[in-house]
């Protein structure tokens, strides 16, 4: 499947943010003194990264058999 460059870049960036958020959550919640507030903040951070990813719409790009560049 071919997608527009800006869509691919948005997807790639959102996946990177999700990966970084997951790593941050793991670090932020690994301590023995992690509070309920810490967990709530970590989940909020992870949820925001997931929302960014959910907002990206990946649609095939082709026009009359030719790939269009956008």
PDB file of N, CA and C in Angstrom:
ATOM      1  N   UNK A   1       0.848  -1.170   0.000  1.00  0.00           N
ATOM      2  CA  UNK A   1       0.000   0.000   0.000  1.00  0.00           C
ATOM      3  C   UNK A   1       0.895   1.236   0.000  1.00  0.00           C
ATOM      4  N   UNK A   2       0.540   2.196  -0.782  1.00  0.00           N
ATOM      5  CA  UNK A   2       1.253   3.464  -0.846  1.00  0.00           C
ATOM      6  C   UNK A   2       0.432   4.529  -0.129  1.00  0.00           C
ATOM      7  N   UNK A   3       1.117   5.338   0.660  1.00  0.00           N
ATOM      8  CA  UNK A   3       0.445   6.430   1.363  1.00  0.00           C
ATOM      9  C   UNK A   3       1.218   7.718   1.115  1.00  0.00           C
ATOM     10  N   UNK A   4       0.525   8.813   1.319  1.00  0.00           N
ATOM     11  CA  UNK A   4       1.155  10.119   1.133  1.00  0.00           C
ATOM     12  C   UNK A   4       2.292  10.293   2.143  1.00  0.00           C
ATOM     13  N   UNK A   5       3.332  10.965   1.720  1.00  0.00           N
ATOM     14  CA  UNK A   5       4.509  11.165   2.565  1.00  0.00           C
ATOM     15  C   UNK A   5       4.153  11.812   3.905  1.00  0.00           C
ATOM     16  N   UNK A   6       3.305  12.837   3.887  1.00  0.00           N
ATOM     17  CA  UNK A   6       2.978  13.526   5.139  1.00  0.00           C
ATOM     18  C   UNK A   6       2.208  12.614   6.094  1.00  0.00           C
ATOM     19  N   UNK A   7       1.417  11.693   5.548  1.00  0.00           N
ATOM     20  CA  UNK A   7       0.695  10.731   6.394  1.00  0.00           C
ATOM     21  C   UNK A   7       1.692   9.749   7.004  1.00  0.00           C
ATOM     22  N   UNK A   8       2.608   9.249   6.186  1.00  0.00           N
ATOM     23  CA  UNK A   8       3.626   8.329   6.674  1.00  0.00           C
ATOM     24  C   UNK A   8       4.461   8.984   7.772  1.00  0.00           C
ATOM     25  N   UNK A   9       4.862  10.229   7.559  1.00  0.00           N
ATOM     26  CA  UNK A   9       5.670  10.927   8.555  1.00  0.00           C
ATOM     27  C   UNK A   9       4.882  11.156   9.845  1.00  0.00           C
ATOM     28  N   UNK A  10       3.607  11.482   9.719  1.00  0.00           N
ATOM     29  CA  UNK A  10       2.761  11.647  10.906  1.00  0.00           C
ATOM     30  C   UNK A  10       2.628  10.339  11.673  1.00  0.00           C
ATOM     31  N   UNK A  11       2.437   9.255  10.952  1.00  0.00           N
ATOM     32  CA  UNK A  11       2.321   7.945  11.575  1.00  0.00           C
ATOM     33  C   UNK A  11       3.621   7.558  12.277  1.00  0.00           C
ATOM     34  N   UNK A  12       4.719   7.745  11.581  1.00  0.00           N
ATOM     35  CA  UNK A  12       6.035   7.430  12.155  1.00  0.00           C
ATOM     36  C   UNK A  12       6.291   8.234  13.424  1.00  0.00           C
ATOM     37  N   UNK A  13       5.979   9.532  13.388  1.00  0.00           N
ATOM     38  CA  UNK A  13       6.190  10.394  14.551  1.00  0.00           C
ATOM     39  C   UNK A  13       5.288  10.001  15.719  1.00  0.00           C
ATOM     40  N   UNK A  14       4.036   9.677  15.416  1.00  0.00           N
ATOM     41  CA  UNK A  14       3.101   9.283  16.471  1.00  0.00           C
ATOM     42  C   UNK A  14       3.520   7.954  17.104  1.00  0.00           C
ATOM     43  N   UNK A  15       4.015   7.026  16.308  1.00  0.00           N
ATOM     44  CA  UNK A  15       4.510   5.762  16.855  1.00  0.00           C
ATOM     45  C   UNK A  15       5.724   5.990  17.744  1.00  0.00           C
ATOM     46  N   UNK A  16       6.598   6.903  17.349  1.00  0.00           N
ATOM     47  CA  UNK A  16       7.758   7.232  18.171  1.00  0.00           C
ATOM     48  C   UNK A  16       7.312   7.845  19.506  1.00  0.00           C
ATOM     49  N   UNK A  17       6.330   8.757  19.451  1.00  0.00           N
ATOM     50  CA  UNK A  17       5.827   9.363  20.694  1.00  0.00           C
ATOM     51  C   UNK A  17       5.190   8.316  21.600  1.00  0.00           C
ATOM     52  N   UNK A  18       4.491   7.355  21.010  1.00  0.00           N
ATOM     53  CA  UNK A  18       3.887   6.280  21.796  1.00  0.00           C
ATOM     54  C   UNK A  18       4.970   5.423  22.447  1.00  0.00           C
ATOM     55  N   UNK A  19       5.993   5.099  21.703  1.00  0.00           N
ATOM     56  CA  UNK A  19       7.094   4.312  22.251  1.00  0.00           C
ATOM     57  C   UNK A  19       7.766   5.070  23.404  1.00  0.00           C
ATOM     58  N   UNK A  20       8.032   6.348  23.207  1.00  0.00           N
ATOM     59  CA  UNK A  20       8.660   7.152  24.252  1.00  0.00           C
ATOM     60  C   UNK A  20       7.762   7.259  25.481  1.00  0.00           C
ATOM     61  N   UNK A  21       6.459   7.416  25.266  1.00  0.00           N
ATOM     62  CA  UNK A  21       5.515   7.499  26.386  1.00  0.00           C
ATOM     63  C   UNK A  21       5.502   6.197  27.171  1.00  0.00           C
ATOM     64  N   UNK A  22       5.525   5.071  26.469  1.00  0.00           N
ATOM     65  CA  UNK A  22       5.538   3.774  27.145  1.00  0.00           C
ATOM     66  C   UNK A  22       6.807   3.610  27.982  1.00  0.00           C
ATOM     67  N   UNK A  23       7.933   4.042  27.443  1.00  0.00           N
ATOM     68  CA  UNK A  23       9.184   3.977  28.198  1.00  0.00           C
ATOM     69  C   UNK A  23       9.137   4.898  29.412  1.00  0.00           C
ATOM     70  N   UNK A  24       8.581   6.093  29.230  1.00  0.00           N
ATOM     71  CA  UNK A  24       8.446   7.032  30.350  1.00  0.00           C
ATOM     72  C   UNK A  24       7.565   6.457  31.453  1.00  0.00           C
ATOM     73  N   UNK A  25       6.462   5.837  31.060  1.00  0.00           N
ATOM     74  CA  UNK A  25       5.542   5.243  32.035  1.00  0.00           C
ATOM     75  C   UNK A  25       6.262   4.134  32.808  1.00  0.00           C
ATOM     76  N   UNK A  26       6.998   3.301  32.110  1.00  0.00           N
ATOM     77  CA  UNK A  26       7.727   2.223  32.773  1.00  0.00           C
ATOM     78  C   UNK A  26       8.711   2.778  33.795  1.00  0.00           C
ATOM     79  N   UNK A  27       9.423   3.831  33.416  1.00  0.00           N
ATOM     80  CA  UNK A  27      10.383   4.436  34.346  1.00  0.00           C
ATOM     81  C   UNK A  27       9.686   5.138  35.513  1.00  0.00           C
ATOM     82  N   UNK A  28       8.625   5.869  35.189  1.00  0.00           N
ATOM     83  CA  UNK A  28       7.926   6.657  36.213  1.00  0.00           C
ATOM     84  C   UNK A  28       7.206   5.792  37.239  1.00  0.00           C
ATOM     85  N   UNK A  29       6.864   4.577  36.886  1.00  0.00           N
ATOM     86  CA  UNK A  29       6.099   3.726  37.795  1.00  0.00           C
ATOM     87  C   UNK A  29       6.920   2.572  38.362  1.00  0.00           C
ATOM     88  N   UNK A  30       8.219   2.578  38.126  1.00  0.00           N
ATOM     89  CA  UNK A  30       9.053   1.466  38.578  1.00  0.00           C
ATOM     90  C   UNK A  30       9.586   1.654  40.002  1.00  0.00           C
ATOM     91  N   UNK A  31       9.443   2.831  40.553  1.00  0.00           N
ATOM     92  CA  UNK A  31       9.973   3.092  41.889  1.00  0.00           C
ATOM     93  C   UNK A  31       9.118   2.490  42.992  1.00  0.00           C
ATOM     94  N   UNK A  32       9.745   2.280  44.128  1.00  0.00           N
ATOM     95  CA  UNK A  32       9.015   1.700  45.260  1.00  0.00           C
ATOM     96  C   UNK A  32       8.099   2.721  45.935  1.00  0.00           C
ATOM     97  N   UNK A  33       8.303   3.979  45.648  1.00  0.00           N
ATOM     98  CA  UNK A  33       7.484   5.027  46.263  1.00  0.00           C
ATOM     99  C   UNK A  33       6.521   5.676  45.263  1.00  0.00           C
ATOM    100  N   UNK A  34       6.121   4.930  44.282  1.00  0.00           N
ATOM    101  CA  UNK A  34       5.199   5.439  43.268  1.00  0.00           C
ATOM    102  C   UNK A  34       3.826   5.646  43.904  1.00  0.00           C
ATOM    103  N   UNK A  35       3.290   6.828  43.708  1.00  0.00           N
ATOM    104  CA  UNK A  35       1.998   7.163  44.301  1.00  0.00           C
ATOM    105  C   UNK A  35       0.872   6.975  43.290  1.00  0.00           C
ATOM    106  N   UNK A  36      -0.331   7.046  43.814  1.00  0.00           N
ATOM    107  CA  UNK A  36      -1.506   6.962  42.941  1.00  0.00           C
ATOM    108  C   UNK A  36      -1.490   8.110  41.927  1.00  0.00           C
ATOM    109  N   UNK A  37      -1.061   9.254  42.350  1.00  0.00           N
ATOM    110  CA  UNK A  37      -0.956  10.421  41.468  1.00  0.00           C
ATOM    111  C   UNK A  37       0.056  10.162  40.348  1.00  0.00           C
ATOM    112  N   UNK A  38       1.166   9.495  40.680  1.00  0.00           N
ATOM    113  CA  UNK A  38       2.165   9.150  39.666  1.00  0.00           C
ATOM    114  C   UNK A  38       1.570   8.234  38.601  1.00  0.00           C
ATOM    115  N   UNK A  39       0.791   7.239  39.066  1.00  0.00           N
ATOM    116  CA  UNK A  39       0.145   6.323  38.120  1.00  0.00           C
ATOM    117  C   UNK A  39      -0.863   7.060  37.246  1.00  0.00           C
ATOM    118  N   UNK A  40      -1.625   7.963  37.849  1.00  0.00           N
ATOM    119  CA  UNK A  40      -2.620   8.719  37.083  1.00  0.00           C
ATOM    120  C   UNK A  40      -1.929   9.586  36.025  1.00  0.00           C
ATOM    121  N   UNK A  41      -0.834  10.229  36.390  1.00  0.00           N
ATOM    122  CA  UNK A  41      -0.095  11.062  35.437  1.00  0.00           C
ATOM    123  C   UNK A  41       0.484  10.204  34.316  1.00  0.00           C
ATOM    124  N   UNK A  42       1.001   9.027  34.666  1.00  0.00           N
ATOM    125  CA  UNK A  42       1.584   8.127  33.664  1.00  0.00           C
ATOM    126  C   UNK A  42       0.525   7.654  32.669  1.00  0.00           C
ATOM    127  N   UNK A  43      -0.636   7.289  33.182  1.00  0.00           N
ATOM    128  CA  UNK A  43      -1.724   6.841  32.295  1.00  0.00           C
ATOM    129  C   UNK A  43      -2.182   7.991  31.394  1.00  0.00           C
ATOM    130  N   UNK A  44      -2.250   9.190  31.944  1.00  0.00           N
ATOM    131  CA  UNK A  44      -2.623  10.358  31.139  1.00  0.00           C
ATOM    132  C   UNK A  44      -1.627  10.605  30.013  1.00  0.00           C
ATOM    133  N   UNK A  45      -0.348  10.469  30.318  1.00  0.00           N
ATOM    134  CA  UNK A  45       0.708  10.660  29.321  1.00  0.00           C
ATOM    135  C   UNK A  45       0.585   9.607  28.209  1.00  0.00           C
ATOM    136  N   UNK A  46       0.375   8.374  28.602  1.00  0.00           N
ATOM    137  CA  UNK A  46       0.236   7.288  27.632  1.00  0.00           C
ATOM    138  C   UNK A  46      -1.031   7.450  26.798  1.00  0.00           C
ATOM    139  N   UNK A  47      -2.109   7.846  27.431  1.00  0.00           N
ATOM    140  CA  UNK A  47      -3.381   8.049  26.728  1.00  0.00           C
ATOM    141  C   UNK A  47      -3.261   9.149  25.679  1.00  0.00           C
ATOM    142  N   UNK A  48      -2.559  10.220  26.001  1.00  0.00           N
ATOM    143  CA  UNK A  48      -2.371  11.310  25.044  1.00  0.00           C
ATOM    144  C   UNK A  48      -1.606  10.819  23.812  1.00  0.00           C
ATOM    145  N   UNK A  49      -0.602   9.982  24.021  1.00  0.00           N
ATOM    146  CA  UNK A  49       0.173   9.454  22.897  1.00  0.00           C
ATOM    147  C   UNK A  49      -0.688   8.528  22.028  1.00  0.00           C
ATOM    148  N   UNK A  50      -1.550   7.747  22.664  1.00  0.00           N
ATOM    149  CA  UNK A  50      -2.446   6.863  21.907  1.00  0.00           C
ATOM    150  C   UNK A  50      -3.437   7.689  21.099  1.00  0.00           C
ATOM    151  N   UNK A  51      -3.961   8.754  21.679  1.00  0.00           N
ATOM    152  CA  UNK A  51      -4.911   9.613  20.950  1.00  0.00           C
ATOM    153  C   UNK A  51      -4.273  10.215  19.713  1.00  0.00           C
ATOM    154  N   UNK A  52      -3.007  10.648  19.839  1.00  0.00           N
ATOM    155  CA  UNK A  52      -2.296  11.189  18.674  1.00  0.00           C
ATOM    156  C   UNK A  52      -2.267  10.160  17.546  1.00  0.00           C
ATOM    157  N   UNK A  53      -2.016   8.921  17.897  1.00  0.00           N
ATOM    158  CA  UNK A  53      -1.951   7.855  16.911  1.00  0.00           C
ATOM    159  C   UNK A  53      -3.328   7.564  16.315  1.00  0.00           C
ATOM    160  N   UNK A  54      -4.350   7.597  17.138  1.00  0.00           N
ATOM    161  CA  UNK A  54      -5.704   7.317  16.667  1.00  0.00           C
ATOM    162  C   UNK A  54      -6.211   8.361  15.675  1.00  0.00           C
ATOM    163  N   UNK A  55      -5.692   9.560  15.749  1.00  0.00           N
ATOM    164  CA  UNK A  55      -6.169  10.643  14.885  1.00  0.00           C
ATOM    165  C   UNK A  55      -5.611  10.578  13.468  1.00  0.00           C
ATOM    166  N   UNK A  56      -4.665   9.695  13.231  1.00  0.00           N
ATOM    167  CA  UNK A  56      -4.053   9.598  11.903  1.00  0.00           C
ATOM    168  C   UNK A  56      -4.862   8.632  11.044  1.00  0.00           C
ATOM    169  N   UNK A  57      -5.237   9.105   9.885  1.00  0.00           N
ATOM    170  CA  UNK A  57      -5.995   8.287   8.945  1.00  0.00           C
ATOM    171  C   UNK A  57      -5.077   7.876   7.797  1.00  0.00           C
ATOM    172  N   UNK A  58      -4.865   6.578   7.670  1.00  0.00           N
ATOM    173  CA  UNK A  58      -3.989   6.076   6.617  1.00  0.00           C
ATOM    174  C   UNK A  58      -4.861   5.556   5.477  1.00  0.00           C
ATOM    175  N   UNK A  59      -4.779   6.240   4.356  1.00  0.00           N
ATOM    176  CA  UNK A  59      -5.556   5.875   3.169  1.00  0.00           C
ATOM    177  C   UNK A  59      -4.593   5.648   2.010  1.00  0.00           C
ATOM    178  N   UNK A  60      -4.853   4.660   1.179  1.00  0.00           N
ATOM    179  CA  UNK A  60      -4.004   4.435   0.007  1.00  0.00           C
ATOM    180  C   UNK A  60      -4.033   5.642  -0.929  1.00  0.00           C
ATOM    181  N   UNK A  61      -2.904   5.863  -1.592  1.00  0.00           N
ATOM    182  CA  UNK A  61      -2.814   6.981  -2.523  1.00  0.00           C
ATOM    183  C   UNK A  61      -2.461   6.436  -3.901  1.00  0.00           C
ATOM    184  N   UNK A  62      -3.367   6.586  -4.845  1.00  0.00           N
ATOM    185  CA  UNK A  62      -3.100   6.226  -6.239  1.00  0.00           C
ATOM    186  C   UNK A  62      -4.133   6.937  -7.104  1.00  0.00           C
ATOM    187  N   UNK A  63      -3.746   7.307  -8.287  1.00  0.00           N
ATOM    188  CA  UNK A  63      -4.642   8.009  -9.195  1.00  0.00           C
ATOM    189  C   UNK A  63      -4.407   7.472 -10.599  1.00  0.00           C
ATOM    190  N   UNK A  64      -5.416   6.828 -11.159  1.00  0.00           N
ATOM    191  CA  UNK A  64      -5.318   6.279 -12.520  1.00  0.00           C
ATOM    192  C   UNK A  64      -4.085   5.414 -12.696  1.00  0.00           C
ATOM    193  N   UNK A  65      -3.778   4.606 -11.678  1.00  0.00           N
ATOM    194  CA  UNK A  65      -2.647   3.708 -11.768  1.00  0.00           C
ATOM    195  C   UNK A  65      -1.323   4.353 -11.454  1.00  0.00           C
ATOM    196  N   UNK A  66      -1.309   5.665 -11.230  1.00  0.00           N
ATOM    197  CA  UNK A  66      -0.055   6.361 -10.888  1.00  0.00           C
ATOM    198  C   UNK A  66      -0.088   6.786  -9.439  1.00  0.00           C
ATOM    199  N   UNK A  67       1.030   6.697  -8.798  1.00  0.00           N
ATOM    200  CA  UNK A  67       1.145   7.157  -7.419  1.00  0.00           C
ATOM    201  C   UNK A  67       1.211   8.661  -7.428  1.00  0.00           C
ATOM    202  N   UNK A  68       0.423   9.294  -6.573  1.00  0.00           N
ATOM    203  CA  UNK A  68       0.472  10.742  -6.467  1.00  0.00           C
ATOM    204  C   UNK A  68       1.350  11.124  -5.293  1.00  0.00           C
ATOM    205  N   UNK A  69       2.119  12.168  -5.412  1.00  0.00           N
ATOM    206  CA  UNK A  69       2.940  12.636  -4.290  1.00  0.00           C
ATOM    207  C   UNK A  69       2.241  13.835  -3.673  1.00  0.00           C
ATOM    208  N   UNK A  70       2.180  13.790  -2.351  1.00  0.00           N
ATOM    209  CA  UNK A  70       1.532  14.889  -1.628  1.00  0.00           C
ATOM    210  C   UNK A  70       2.439  15.416  -0.569  1.00  0.00           C
TER     211      UNK A  70
END
